[in-house]
Amino acid sequence: LVRAHRTARGAAAAAAASARTGTVVTLDDLGVAGLLLQLDDAEQLVAFADRTVGPVRRHDRERGTALLHTLRTHLDGGLDRAETARRLTVHPNTVGQRLRRIETVAGLDLSRAATVVDVAAALVLLDVAGALP
């Protein structure tokens, strides 16, 4: 029962984060998020998210920046800097500067597909973890 509750809360959070509200959503509909929600060791999943984007979260907290928001927006915008800039209402050069800062702070290479997958998964995990009691 506890696991089912955790999965349901996580699914609701993942659906809300992907703007899927007001409709029925199954774990299959959530893609990677649905897969991650089926894993038992929530602590290990959150630890992965922290290893991946934790430095960016800490940087934002300590310096009052919004690099994590920029990163989410960039992923949501299909990794298109012009689209990211439009969504954030900043110049595309600003997006480039922020992405380079993210790479430096977190030791990431956002030009690698595997890194983008890891970051996307980490952001889903943070959304799910935020919905857990």
C-alpha atoms as a PDB file:
ATOM      1  CA  LEU A   1       0.000   0.000   0.000  1.00  0.00           C
ATOM      2  CA  VAL A   2       2.845   2.382   0.840  1.00  0.00           C
ATOM      3  CA  ARG A   3       4.540   1.691  -2.487  1.00  0.00           C
ATOM      4  CA  ALA A   4       1.282   2.190  -4.408  1.00  0.00           C
ATOM      5  CA  HIS A   5       0.706   5.490  -2.626  1.00  0.00           C
ATOM      6  CA  ARG A   6       4.258   6.669  -3.428  1.00  0.00           C
ATOM      7  CA  THR A   7       3.818   5.659  -7.063  1.00  0.00           C
ATOM      8  CA  ALA A   8       0.450   7.409  -7.386  1.00  0.00           C
ATOM      9  CA  ARG A   9       1.739  10.628  -5.792  1.00  0.00           C
ATOM     10  CA  GLY A  10       4.816  10.549  -7.974  1.00  0.00           C
ATOM     11  CA  ALA A  11       2.739   9.941 -11.095  1.00  0.00           C
ATOM     12  CA  ALA A  12       0.520  12.901 -10.240  1.00  0.00           C
ATOM     13  CA  ALA A  13       3.586  15.096  -9.757  1.00  0.00           C
ATOM     14  CA  ALA A  14       5.186  13.936 -13.009  1.00  0.00           C
ATOM     15  CA  ALA A  15       1.926  14.463 -14.896  1.00  0.00           C
ATOM     16  CA  ALA A  16       1.571  17.966 -13.474  1.00  0.00           C
ATOM     17  CA  ALA A  17       5.191  18.802 -14.319  1.00  0.00           C
ATOM     18  CA  SER A  18       4.546  17.783 -17.927  1.00  0.00           C
ATOM     19  CA  ALA A  19       1.307  19.815 -18.047  1.00  0.00           C
ATOM     20  CA  ARG A  20      -0.883  16.706 -18.200  1.00  0.00           C
ATOM     21  CA  THR A  21      -3.643  17.733 -15.860  1.00  0.00           C
ATOM     22  CA  GLY A  22      -7.363  17.090 -16.010  1.00  0.00           C
ATOM     23  CA  THR A  23      -6.939  13.745 -17.756  1.00  0.00           C
ATOM     24  CA  VAL A  24      -6.234  10.120 -16.930  1.00  0.00           C
ATOM     25  CA  VAL A  25      -2.535   9.254 -17.114  1.00  0.00           C
ATOM     26  CA  THR A  26      -0.979   5.824 -16.749  1.00  0.00           C
ATOM     27  CA  LEU A  27       2.607   5.017 -15.840  1.00  0.00           C
ATOM     28  CA  ASP A  28       3.156   4.018 -19.465  1.00  0.00           C
ATOM     29  CA  ASP A  29       2.028   7.491 -20.555  1.00  0.00           C
ATOM     30  CA  LEU A  30       4.748   9.060 -18.397  1.00  0.00           C
ATOM     31  CA  GLY A  31       7.642   7.418 -20.244  1.00  0.00           C
ATOM     32  CA  VAL A  32      10.865   7.442 -18.224  1.00  0.00           C
ATOM     33  CA  ALA A  33       9.081   9.023 -15.272  1.00  0.00           C
ATOM     34  CA  GLY A  34       6.660   6.100 -15.158  1.00  0.00           C
ATOM     35  CA  LEU A  35       9.541   3.648 -15.263  1.00  0.00           C
ATOM     36  CA  LEU A  36      11.395   5.425 -12.469  1.00  0.00           C
ATOM     37  CA  LEU A  37       8.283   5.462 -10.309  1.00  0.00           C
ATOM     38  CA  GLN A  38       8.191   1.682 -10.399  1.00  0.00           C
ATOM     39  CA  LEU A  39      11.616   1.305  -8.829  1.00  0.00           C
ATOM     40  CA  ASP A  40      11.711   0.517  -5.120  1.00  0.00           C
ATOM     41  CA  ASP A  41      14.729   2.433  -3.822  1.00  0.00           C
ATOM     42  CA  ALA A  42      13.586   6.052  -3.733  1.00  0.00           C
ATOM     43  CA  GLU A  43      16.671   7.099  -1.765  1.00  0.00           C
ATOM     44  CA  GLN A  44      19.000   5.864  -4.504  1.00  0.00           C
ATOM     45  CA  LEU A  45      16.952   7.670  -7.136  1.00  0.00           C
ATOM     46  CA  VAL A  46      17.092  10.954  -5.226  1.00  0.00           C
ATOM     47  CA  ALA A  47      20.831  10.435  -4.678  1.00  0.00           C
ATOM     48  CA  PHE A  48      21.260  10.084  -8.451  1.00  0.00           C
ATOM     49  CA  ALA A  49      19.354  13.317  -9.003  1.00  0.00           C
ATOM     50  CA  ASP A  50      21.505  15.073  -6.429  1.00  0.00           C
ATOM     51  CA  ARG A  51      24.725  13.833  -8.014  1.00  0.00           C
ATOM     52  CA  THR A  52      23.528  14.983 -11.418  1.00  0.00           C
ATOM     53  CA  VAL A  53      21.953  18.408 -10.801  1.00  0.00           C
ATOM     54  CA  GLY A  54      22.615  18.950  -7.082  1.00  0.00           C
ATOM     55  CA  PRO A  55      25.480  21.384  -7.728  1.00  0.00           C
ATOM     56  CA  VAL A  56      23.154  23.509  -9.869  1.00  0.00           C
ATOM     57  CA  ARG A  57      20.466  23.476  -7.167  1.00  0.00           C
ATOM     58  CA  ARG A  58      23.031  24.515  -4.536  1.00  0.00           C
ATOM     59  CA  HIS A  59      24.393  27.251  -6.806  1.00  0.00           C
ATOM     60  CA  ASP A  60      20.875  28.630  -7.281  1.00  0.00           C
ATOM     61  CA  ARG A  61      20.172  28.504  -3.551  1.00  0.00           C
ATOM     62  CA  GLU A  62      23.467  30.149  -2.545  1.00  0.00           C
ATOM     63  CA  ARG A  63      23.563  32.817  -5.250  1.00  0.00           C
ATOM     64  CA  GLY A  64      19.887  33.462  -5.917  1.00  0.00           C
ATOM     65  CA  THR A  65      20.181  32.397  -9.558  1.00  0.00           C
ATOM     66  CA  ALA A  66      17.727  30.375 -11.626  1.00  0.00           C
ATOM     67  CA  LEU A  67      20.045  28.050 -13.528  1.00  0.00           C
ATOM     68  CA  LEU A  68      17.912  24.983 -12.836  1.00  0.00           C
ATOM     69  CA  HIS A  69      14.901  26.772 -14.282  1.00  0.00           C
ATOM     70  CA  THR A  70      16.964  27.649 -17.351  1.00  0.00           C
ATOM     71  CA  LEU A  71      18.006  24.013 -17.678  1.00  0.00           C
ATOM     72  CA  ARG A  72      14.404  22.765 -17.408  1.00  0.00           C
ATOM     73  CA  THR A  73      13.246  25.340 -19.920  1.00  0.00           C
ATOM     74  CA  HIS A  74      16.041  24.401 -22.307  1.00  0.00           C
ATOM     75  CA  LEU A  75      15.072  20.725 -22.162  1.00  0.00           C
ATOM     76  CA  ASP A  76      11.368  21.566 -22.520  1.00  0.00           C
ATOM     77  CA  GLY A  77      12.234  23.757 -25.518  1.00  0.00           C
ATOM     78  CA  GLY A  78      13.855  20.900 -27.394  1.00  0.00           C
ATOM     79  CA  LEU A  79      17.429  22.037 -26.615  1.00  0.00           C
ATOM     80  CA  ASP A  80      16.891  25.022 -28.905  1.00  0.00           C
ATOM     81  CA  ARG A  81      18.636  28.110 -27.511  1.00  0.00           C
ATOM     82  CA  ALA A  82      16.430  30.518 -29.438  1.00  0.00           C
ATOM     83  CA  GLU A  83      13.281  28.811 -28.131  1.00  0.00           C
ATOM     84  CA  THR A  84      14.715  28.750 -24.611  1.00  0.00           C
ATOM     85  CA  ALA A  85      15.485  32.466 -24.876  1.00  0.00           C
ATOM     86  CA  ARG A  86      11.954  33.178 -26.097  1.00  0.00           C
ATOM     87  CA  ARG A  87      10.432  31.212 -23.216  1.00  0.00           C
ATOM     88  CA  LEU A  88      12.666  32.922 -20.655  1.00  0.00           C
ATOM     89  CA  THR A  89      12.363  36.338 -22.337  1.00  0.00           C
ATOM     90  CA  VAL A  90      16.141  36.770 -22.495  1.00  0.00           C
ATOM     91  CA  HIS A  91      18.667  37.080 -25.323  1.00  0.00           C
ATOM     92  CA  PRO A  92      19.938  33.793 -26.834  1.00  0.00           C
ATOM     93  CA  ASN A  93      23.479  34.773 -25.778  1.00  0.00           C
ATOM     94  CA  THR A  94      22.247  34.866 -22.174  1.00  0.00           C
ATOM     95  CA  VAL A  95      20.967  31.309 -22.568  1.00  0.00           C
ATOM     96  CA  GLY A  96      24.370  30.251 -23.898  1.00  0.00           C
ATOM     97  CA  GLN A  97      26.110  31.876 -20.946  1.00  0.00           C
ATOM     98  CA  ARG A  98      23.778  30.205 -18.466  1.00  0.00           C
ATOM     99  CA  LEU A  99      24.208  26.787 -20.084  1.00  0.00           C
ATOM    100  CA  ARG A 100      28.005  27.142 -19.949  1.00  0.00           C
ATOM    101  CA  ARG A 101      27.711  28.114 -16.283  1.00  0.00           C
ATOM    102  CA  ILE A 102      25.555  25.041 -15.625  1.00  0.00           C
ATOM    103  CA  GLU A 103      28.160  22.838 -17.301  1.00  0.00           C
ATOM    104  CA  THR A 104      30.928  24.382 -15.206  1.00  0.00           C
ATOM    105  CA  VAL A 105      29.060  24.252 -11.904  1.00  0.00           C
ATOM    106  CA  ALA A 106      27.852  20.667 -12.334  1.00  0.00           C
ATOM    107  CA  GLY A 107      30.685  19.255 -14.414  1.00  0.00           C
ATOM    108  CA  LEU A 108      28.269  18.359 -17.207  1.00  0.00           C
ATOM    109  CA  ASP A 109      28.673  18.283 -20.987  1.00  0.00           C
ATOM    110  CA  LEU A 110      25.246  19.165 -22.357  1.00  0.00           C
ATOM    111  CA  SER A 111      26.377  18.385 -25.901  1.00  0.00           C
ATOM    112  CA  ARG A 112      26.390  14.668 -25.019  1.00  0.00           C
ATOM    113  CA  ALA A 113      23.107  12.817 -25.474  1.00  0.00           C
ATOM    114  CA  ALA A 114      23.780  10.615 -22.434  1.00  0.00           C
ATOM    115  CA  THR A 115      24.217  13.699 -20.266  1.00  0.00           C
ATOM    116  CA  VAL A 116      20.934  15.162 -21.492  1.00  0.00           C
ATOM    117  CA  VAL A 117      19.159  11.885 -20.674  1.00  0.00           C
ATOM    118  CA  ASP A 118      20.717  11.854 -17.184  1.00  0.00           C
ATOM    119  CA  VAL A 119      19.727  15.469 -16.555  1.00  0.00           C
ATOM    120  CA  ALA A 120      16.173  14.913 -17.800  1.00  0.00           C
ATOM    121  CA  ALA A 121      15.847  11.848 -15.555  1.00  0.00           C
ATOM    122  CA  ALA A 122      17.266  13.774 -12.588  1.00  0.00           C
ATOM    123  CA  LEU A 123      14.718  16.554 -13.082  1.00  0.00           C
ATOM    124  CA  VAL A 124      11.883  14.010 -13.198  1.00  0.00           C
ATOM    125  CA  LEU A 125      13.215  12.430 -10.017  1.00  0.00           C
ATOM    126  CA  LEU A 126      13.265  15.810  -8.288  1.00  0.00           C
ATOM    127  CA  ASP A 127       9.655  16.395  -9.324  1.00  0.00           C
ATOM    128  CA  VAL A 128       8.651  12.990  -8.003  1.00  0.00           C
ATOM    129  CA  ALA A 129      10.660  13.361  -4.783  1.00  0.00           C
ATOM    130  CA  GLY A 130       9.051  16.736  -4.160  1.00  0.00           C
ATOM    131  CA  ALA A 131       5.642  15.067  -4.163  1.00  0.00           C
ATOM    132  CA  LEU A 132       6.600  12.400  -1.666  1.00  0.00           C
ATOM    133  CA  PRO A 133       5.764  12.741   2.025  1.00  0.00           C
END
